[in-house]
Amino acid sequence: MIDLGEPPWCAIVGFSGLARQALNREACRASCNALDCDLFGPEREWERTAIALEADIWAARHRRNTDITTLRERAGRLVEAGRNDEKAQVYRWRS
């Protein structure tokens, strides 16, 4: 069972998780294009990964025989990528 309040899941899922940040950046870029601004710069690879991984985490919570090890490895790589982005915030708890 995946406990969303525990690392690494809590860094990805939730109001301040990397997936939500990626979605917010996407929306900001869409509105900034109309205003010709570049607040977050181009889309980072980790952003799409975060959105996809969040969906996989939620799906895994409702499935039996989920490969948690692979999900955890993906989450670890994503958290590291988020830490390497100076504009991303990696939280250790769910909010």
C-alpha atoms as a PDB file:
ATOM      1  CA  MET A   1       0.000   0.000   0.000  1.00  0.00           C
ATOM      2  CA  ILE A   2       1.217   3.461  -0.867  1.00  0.00           C
ATOM      3  CA  ASP A   3       0.969   5.931   2.015  1.00  0.00           C
ATOM      4  CA  LEU A   4       0.778   9.361   0.394  1.00  0.00           C
ATOM      5  CA  GLY A   5       1.955  10.995   3.605  1.00  0.00           C
ATOM      6  CA  GLU A   6       5.316   9.233   3.407  1.00  0.00           C
ATOM      7  CA  PRO A   7       8.353   9.981   1.232  1.00  0.00           C
ATOM      8  CA  PRO A   8       8.813   9.807  -1.677  1.00  0.00           C
ATOM      9  CA  TRP A   9       5.089   9.931  -2.481  1.00  0.00           C
ATOM     10  CA  CYS A  10       4.410  13.067  -0.462  1.00  0.00           C
ATOM     11  CA  ALA A  11       6.931  14.997  -2.568  1.00  0.00           C
ATOM     12  CA  ILE A  12       4.924  14.232  -5.704  1.00  0.00           C
ATOM     13  CA  VAL A  13       1.234  14.046  -4.745  1.00  0.00           C
ATOM     14  CA  GLY A  14      -0.737  16.750  -2.999  1.00  0.00           C
ATOM     15  CA  PHE A  15      -1.272  20.485  -3.112  1.00  0.00           C
ATOM     16  CA  SER A  16       2.440  21.348  -2.994  1.00  0.00           C
ATOM     17  CA  GLY A  17       3.802  18.222  -4.683  1.00  0.00           C
ATOM     18  CA  LEU A  18       5.889  18.216  -7.827  1.00  0.00           C
ATOM     19  CA  ALA A  19       2.931  17.125  -9.963  1.00  0.00           C
ATOM     20  CA  ARG A  20       0.849  20.104  -8.827  1.00  0.00           C
ATOM     21  CA  GLN A  21       3.813  22.412  -9.426  1.00  0.00           C
ATOM     22  CA  ALA A  22       4.155  21.007 -12.947  1.00  0.00           C
ATOM     23  CA  LEU A  23       0.455  21.613 -13.639  1.00  0.00           C
ATOM     24  CA  ASN A  24       0.706  25.148 -12.256  1.00  0.00           C
ATOM     25  CA  ARG A  25       3.740  25.860 -14.443  1.00  0.00           C
ATOM     26  CA  GLU A  26       1.870  24.569 -17.481  1.00  0.00           C
ATOM     27  CA  ALA A  27      -1.051  26.897 -16.754  1.00  0.00           C
ATOM     28  CA  CYS A  28       1.305  29.804 -16.091  1.00  0.00           C
ATOM     29  CA  ARG A  29       3.121  29.247 -19.364  1.00  0.00           C
ATOM     30  CA  ALA A  30      -0.186  29.183 -21.227  1.00  0.00           C
ATOM     31  CA  SER A  31      -1.219  32.520 -19.745  1.00  0.00           C
ATOM     32  CA  CYS A  32       2.263  33.994 -20.051  1.00  0.00           C
ATOM     33  CA  ASN A  33       2.368  33.202 -23.755  1.00  0.00           C
ATOM     34  CA  ALA A  34      -0.457  35.661 -24.211  1.00  0.00           C
ATOM     35  CA  LEU A  35       1.467  38.239 -22.140  1.00  0.00           C
ATOM     36  CA  ASP A  36       4.879  37.414 -23.675  1.00  0.00           C
ATOM     37  CA  CYS A  37       6.516  36.592 -20.337  1.00  0.00           C
ATOM     38  CA  ASP A  38       8.726  33.672 -19.360  1.00  0.00           C
ATOM     39  CA  LEU A  39       8.406  33.119 -15.617  1.00  0.00           C
ATOM     40  CA  PHE A  40       9.467  29.460 -15.463  1.00  0.00           C
ATOM     41  CA  GLY A  41      11.307  29.152 -18.758  1.00  0.00           C
ATOM     42  CA  PRO A  42      10.785  26.215 -21.071  1.00  0.00           C
ATOM     43  CA  GLU A  43       9.096  23.064 -19.869  1.00  0.00           C
ATOM     44  CA  ARG A  44      11.464  20.778 -17.964  1.00  0.00           C
ATOM     45  CA  GLU A  45      11.463  17.041 -18.612  1.00  0.00           C
ATOM     46  CA  TRP A  46      10.584  16.306 -14.982  1.00  0.00           C
ATOM     47  CA  GLU A  47       7.302  18.207 -15.277  1.00  0.00           C
ATOM     48  CA  ARG A  48       5.629  15.740 -17.658  1.00  0.00           C
ATOM     49  CA  THR A  49       7.150  12.895 -15.688  1.00  0.00           C
ATOM     50  CA  ALA A  50       5.611  14.265 -12.482  1.00  0.00           C
ATOM     51  CA  ILE A  51       2.134  14.486 -13.962  1.00  0.00           C
ATOM     52  CA  ALA A  52       2.330  10.952 -15.361  1.00  0.00           C
ATOM     53  CA  LEU A  53       3.810   9.515 -12.169  1.00  0.00           C
ATOM     54  CA  GLU A  54       1.125  11.093 -10.007  1.00  0.00           C
ATOM     55  CA  ALA A  55      -1.531   9.364 -12.130  1.00  0.00           C
ATOM     56  CA  ASP A  56       0.350   6.077 -11.784  1.00  0.00           C
ATOM     57  CA  ILE A  57       0.635   6.481  -8.012  1.00  0.00           C
ATOM     58  CA  TRP A  58      -3.104   7.058  -7.661  1.00  0.00           C
ATOM     59  CA  ALA A  59      -3.849   4.107  -9.922  1.00  0.00           C
ATOM     60  CA  ALA A  60      -1.473   1.889  -7.931  1.00  0.00           C
ATOM     61  CA  ARG A  61      -3.340   2.664  -4.731  1.00  0.00           C
ATOM     62  CA  HIS A  62      -6.418   1.003  -6.211  1.00  0.00           C
ATOM     63  CA  ARG A  63      -4.772  -2.015  -7.831  1.00  0.00           C
ATOM     64  CA  ARG A  64      -3.509  -5.274  -6.484  1.00  0.00           C
ATOM     65  CA  ASN A  65      -0.079  -6.611  -7.421  1.00  0.00           C
ATOM     66  CA  THR A  66       1.376  -3.181  -8.153  1.00  0.00           C
ATOM     67  CA  ASP A  67       5.133  -2.972  -8.650  1.00  0.00           C
ATOM     68  CA  ILE A  68       5.839  -0.531  -5.826  1.00  0.00           C
ATOM     69  CA  THR A  69       9.604  -0.923  -6.271  1.00  0.00           C
ATOM     70  CA  THR A  70       9.523   0.461  -9.802  1.00  0.00           C
ATOM     71  CA  LEU A  71       7.205   3.293  -8.761  1.00  0.00           C
ATOM     72  CA  ARG A  72       9.543   4.142  -5.870  1.00  0.00           C
ATOM     73  CA  GLU A  73      12.546   4.202  -8.227  1.00  0.00           C
ATOM     74  CA  ARG A  74      10.701   6.501 -10.632  1.00  0.00           C
ATOM     75  CA  ALA A  75       9.704   8.708  -7.717  1.00  0.00           C
ATOM     76  CA  GLY A  76      13.302   8.877  -6.519  1.00  0.00           C
ATOM     77  CA  ARG A  77      14.520   9.985  -9.937  1.00  0.00           C
ATOM     78  CA  LEU A  78      11.742  12.566 -10.126  1.00  0.00           C
ATOM     79  CA  VAL A  79      12.505  13.996  -6.688  1.00  0.00           C
ATOM     80  CA  GLU A  80      16.172  14.322  -7.660  1.00  0.00           C
ATOM     81  CA  ALA A  81      15.223  16.116 -10.891  1.00  0.00           C
ATOM     82  CA  GLY A  82      12.991  18.466  -8.897  1.00  0.00           C
ATOM     83  CA  ARG A  83      15.834  19.238  -6.520  1.00  0.00           C
ATOM     84  CA  ASN A  84      18.012  20.129  -9.504  1.00  0.00           C
ATOM     85  CA  ASP A  85      15.502  22.747 -10.666  1.00  0.00           C
ATOM     86  CA  GLU A  86      16.100  25.977  -8.788  1.00  0.00           C
ATOM     87  CA  LYS A  87      12.473  27.042  -9.202  1.00  0.00           C
ATOM     88  CA  ALA A  88      10.937  23.798  -7.942  1.00  0.00           C
ATOM     89  CA  GLN A  89      10.143  23.045  -4.303  1.00  0.00           C
ATOM     90  CA  VAL A  90      10.530  19.484  -3.054  1.00  0.00           C
ATOM     91  CA  TYR A  91       8.533  18.946   0.117  1.00  0.00           C
ATOM     92  CA  ARG A  92       8.952  15.995   2.461  1.00  0.00           C
ATOM     93  CA  TRP A  93       5.434  15.964   3.804  1.00  0.00           C
ATOM     94  CA  ARG A  94       1.975  16.043   2.364  1.00  0.00           C
ATOM     95  CA  SER A  95       0.119  19.315   2.353  1.00  0.00           C
END
